[in-house]
Structures are given as structure tokens and as C-alpha cells.
Amino acid sequence: MLSQRTRYTIRALLHLADRYGEGPVQLAEIAEAQNIPPKFLTVMLSSMRRAGLVESLRGREGGYWLAREPDQITYGEIVRLTRGSLGLLPCASRLAYRKCENCVTEEQCRLRRAMLMVRDETARILDHLTLADPLPADEPQGVEPEIIPEPAASNG
């Protein structure tokens, strides 16, 4: 699952992509339009500035803008910058690999093999999806929302 930080960052960068070429966008505008706490947004945008995705200008006429064209920034890059990896398990990560604790050997672990497939498919999609890509307003065909049933109440 994506962290709140990752979701906020993507929404903020999409806002900047929508305003690309129009000059600096003030933090207050992004925070209000995207419903992101301003202090949190400041930290996130500073991190994206250090990573080279955002530029900023201080002062009354200042604000933030994308450092690269929207079609040059992928969702995969943003997720990796905010989350560290696309892998759902530490042993399935390319950039932040770590052997899992309390596991069978990697050669025996079928869960790891499944998560490597998930990571590769996720990377294939996210690394080709940019901030400039139009996305349909409707959910993709065949994608149903996941509904998790409430746990049964005990009569104890």
C-alpha cells in the first residue's frame, strides 16, 4: 500500500504538472487544492527539490514548479523517492534489497518469487506512466474496489 507521504507527493506533483509553464505555484494553493497539510507539503516539496524534481523561489512572487517537463517524471520515480522501493518485501527490492528475517532460503521461498513478479509488473506500469499522461476518469475495466469484510463480532 502506498504511504500517505507518497500519495500526497504524487498529488502535489500532479498539481504542478497541471500548471507547468505558468511560473511558480504558491504552497498555499497546492495545499488547499490537494487537501495536504502545509507543513507536511513543505517537507515533501523540499525533498523533491533535493531530488531534482522541483525548483522553488522564495518570496512574495515565489513558489514551486517542476524542474523537468511532466512527461519526464514517472510515477515509479516518485514512489521510489518517497517509499524507497517498489518491492512489497525487502527481499523483492532491487534498490533496497535486504534478506527477510525468519524466512526459508530465498531459493525455496515461493512468496519471494511471487513478489518479484508483482514488483516487475508494478515497475513496468509505473515507470511508463508520467505526470503528463491523461488518465481516464473511470476505473480501468475489470478493476473492482477491494471490499474487506468487517470481522465478526464475538458474543463472548
Protein backbone atom coordinates (compact mmCIF):
# COMPACT_ATOMS: atom_id res chain seq x y z
CA MET A 1 0.00 0.00 0.00
CA LEU A 2 1.27 3.49 -0.76
CA SER A 3 2.06 5.68 2.22
CA GLN A 4 0.23 8.93 2.82
CA ARG A 5 3.52 10.71 2.07
CA THR A 6 3.71 9.07 -1.37
CA ARG A 7 0.08 9.87 -2.18
CA TYR A 8 0.47 13.50 -1.07
CA THR A 9 3.67 13.85 -3.09
CA ILE A 10 2.08 12.47 -6.26
CA ARG A 11 -0.95 14.75 -5.85
CA ALA A 12 1.27 17.80 -5.29
CA LEU A 13 3.42 17.00 -8.31
CA LEU A 14 0.33 16.40 -10.46
CA HIS A 15 -0.89 19.84 -9.40
CA LEU A 16 2.44 21.32 -10.51
CA ALA A 17 2.22 19.34 -13.76
CA ASP A 18 -1.20 20.84 -14.45
CA ARG A 19 0.33 24.30 -14.00
CA TYR A 20 3.58 23.52 -15.84
CA GLY A 21 4.99 26.51 -17.71
CA GLU A 22 2.85 29.04 -15.82
CA GLY A 23 5.53 30.06 -13.30
CA PRO A 24 5.80 29.46 -9.57
CA VAL A 25 2.80 27.96 -7.78
CA GLN A 26 2.39 29.02 -4.19
CA LEU A 27 2.45 26.40 -1.50
CA ALA A 28 -0.90 27.58 -0.08
CA GLU A 29 -2.59 26.96 -3.44
CA ILE A 30 -1.24 23.41 -3.67
CA ALA A 31 -2.10 22.65 -0.03
CA GLU A 32 -5.67 23.90 -0.38
CA ALA A 33 -6.38 22.37 -3.80
CA GLN A 34 -4.94 18.98 -2.86
CA ASN A 35 -6.02 18.93 0.81
CA ILE A 36 -2.45 18.48 2.08
CA PRO A 37 -1.29 19.94 5.42
CA PRO A 38 1.00 22.90 4.54
CA LYS A 39 3.80 21.93 6.95
CA PHE A 40 3.86 18.40 5.55
CA LEU A 41 3.77 19.77 1.99
CA THR A 42 6.79 22.00 2.72
CA VAL A 43 8.82 18.98 3.83
CA MET A 44 7.74 16.89 0.82
CA LEU A 45 8.47 19.60 -1.73
CA SER A 46 11.87 20.28 -0.15
CA SER A 47 12.66 16.59 -0.53
CA MET A 48 11.54 16.66 -4.19
CA ARG A 49 13.70 19.77 -4.73
CA ARG A 50 16.76 17.94 -3.38
CA ALA A 51 15.91 15.02 -5.70
CA GLY A 52 15.78 17.38 -8.70
CA LEU A 53 12.07 17.09 -9.48
CA VAL A 54 11.03 20.52 -8.20
CA GLU A 55 12.51 24.03 -8.22
CA SER A 56 11.50 26.82 -5.88
CA LEU A 57 11.74 30.56 -5.43
CA ARG A 58 11.31 32.31 -2.09
CA GLY A 59 9.43 35.49 -1.59
CA ARG A 60 6.09 37.05 -2.37
CA GLU A 61 6.14 36.05 -6.06
CA GLY A 62 7.78 32.72 -5.26
CA GLY A 63 6.54 29.20 -5.18
CA TYR A 64 7.26 25.81 -6.69
CA TRP A 65 7.39 24.39 -10.21
CA LEU A 66 8.53 21.18 -11.84
CA ALA A 67 12.24 21.11 -12.67
CA ARG A 68 11.56 18.81 -15.62
CA GLU A 69 8.74 18.51 -18.10
CA PRO A 70 5.82 16.44 -16.75
CA ASP A 71 6.38 13.74 -19.37
CA GLN A 72 9.89 13.24 -17.97
CA ILE A 73 8.73 12.39 -14.43
CA THR A 74 7.29 8.92 -13.84
CA TYR A 75 5.13 7.64 -11.04
CA GLY A 76 7.77 4.96 -10.48
CA GLU A 77 10.44 7.58 -9.81
CA ILE A 78 8.20 9.35 -7.30
CA VAL A 79 7.29 6.14 -5.50
CA ARG A 80 10.94 5.12 -5.24
CA LEU A 81 11.91 8.57 -3.92
CA THR A 82 9.21 8.57 -1.25
CA ARG A 83 8.99 4.88 -0.41
CA GLY A 84 12.47 3.64 -1.29
CA SER A 85 11.32 0.70 -3.37
CA LEU A 86 8.52 -0.80 -5.41
CA GLY A 87 9.06 -4.18 -3.77
CA LEU A 88 6.49 -5.31 -1.21
CA LEU A 89 9.09 -7.38 0.61
CA PRO A 90 12.67 -6.35 1.42
CA CYS A 91 13.97 -9.40 -0.46
CA ALA A 92 11.99 -8.37 -3.58
CA SER A 93 13.50 -4.90 -3.80
CA ARG A 94 16.09 -4.02 -6.42
CA LEU A 95 17.30 -0.80 -4.79
CA ALA A 96 16.75 -1.56 -1.09
CA TYR A 97 17.33 -5.34 -1.04
CA ARG A 98 17.51 -6.93 2.37
CA LYS A 99 17.23 -10.61 3.25
CA CYS A 100 14.00 -11.33 5.08
CA GLU A 101 14.25 -12.39 8.69
CA ASN A 102 12.66 -15.68 9.77
CA CYS A 103 12.31 -17.00 6.23
CA VAL A 104 13.23 -20.17 4.42
CA THR A 105 16.05 -19.84 1.92
CA GLU A 106 15.37 -17.49 -0.99
CA GLU A 107 15.63 -20.42 -3.39
CA GLN A 108 12.79 -22.17 -1.52
CA CYS A 109 10.61 -19.10 -0.96
CA ARG A 110 7.65 -19.11 -3.34
CA LEU A 111 6.34 -15.88 -1.76
CA ARG A 112 9.53 -14.08 -2.83
CA ARG A 113 9.16 -15.34 -6.40
CA ALA A 114 5.56 -14.10 -6.47
CA MET A 115 6.57 -10.70 -5.06
CA LEU A 116 9.37 -10.39 -7.66
CA MET A 117 6.70 -10.82 -10.35
CA VAL A 118 4.49 -8.21 -8.65
CA ARG A 119 7.44 -5.81 -8.38
CA ASP A 120 8.37 -6.24 -12.03
CA GLU A 121 4.80 -5.72 -13.24
CA THR A 122 4.35 -2.71 -10.95
CA ALA A 123 7.62 -1.23 -12.27
CA ARG A 124 6.54 -1.87 -15.86
CA ILE A 125 3.38 0.17 -15.32
CA LEU A 126 4.67 2.93 -13.03
CA ASP A 127 7.89 3.51 -14.98
CA HIS A 128 5.88 4.19 -18.15
CA LEU A 129 3.19 6.36 -16.54
CA THR A 130 4.19 10.03 -16.36
CA LEU A 131 2.72 13.13 -14.78
CA ALA A 132 1.70 14.24 -18.29
CA ASP A 133 -0.30 11.12 -19.11
CA PRO A 134 -4.05 11.66 -19.19
CA LEU A 135 -5.82 9.12 -17.06
CA PRO A 136 -9.44 8.14 -17.60
CA ALA A 137 -11.93 9.40 -15.01
CA ASP A 138 -13.45 5.92 -14.79
CA GLU A 139 -11.73 2.95 -13.22
CA PRO A 140 -9.99 0.59 -15.68
CA GLN A 141 -12.12 -2.27 -16.96
CA GLY A 142 -12.06 -5.36 -14.76
CA VAL A 143 -10.89 -3.45 -11.67
CA GLU A 144 -13.32 -3.72 -8.80
CA PRO A 145 -12.76 -1.95 -5.48
CA GLU A 146 -11.45 -4.24 -2.78
CA ILE A 147 -14.05 -4.60 -0.04
CA ILE A 148 -12.72 -6.03 3.18
CA PRO A 149 -15.45 -7.59 5.33
CA GLU A 150 -15.82 -6.46 8.91
CA PRO A 151 -14.63 -9.04 11.45
CA ALA A 152 -17.47 -10.96 13.03
CA ALA A 153 -18.40 -9.71 16.48
CA SER A 154 -17.92 -12.22 19.23
CA ASN A 155 -20.72 -12.92 21.64
CA GLY A 156 -18.39 -13.61 24.47
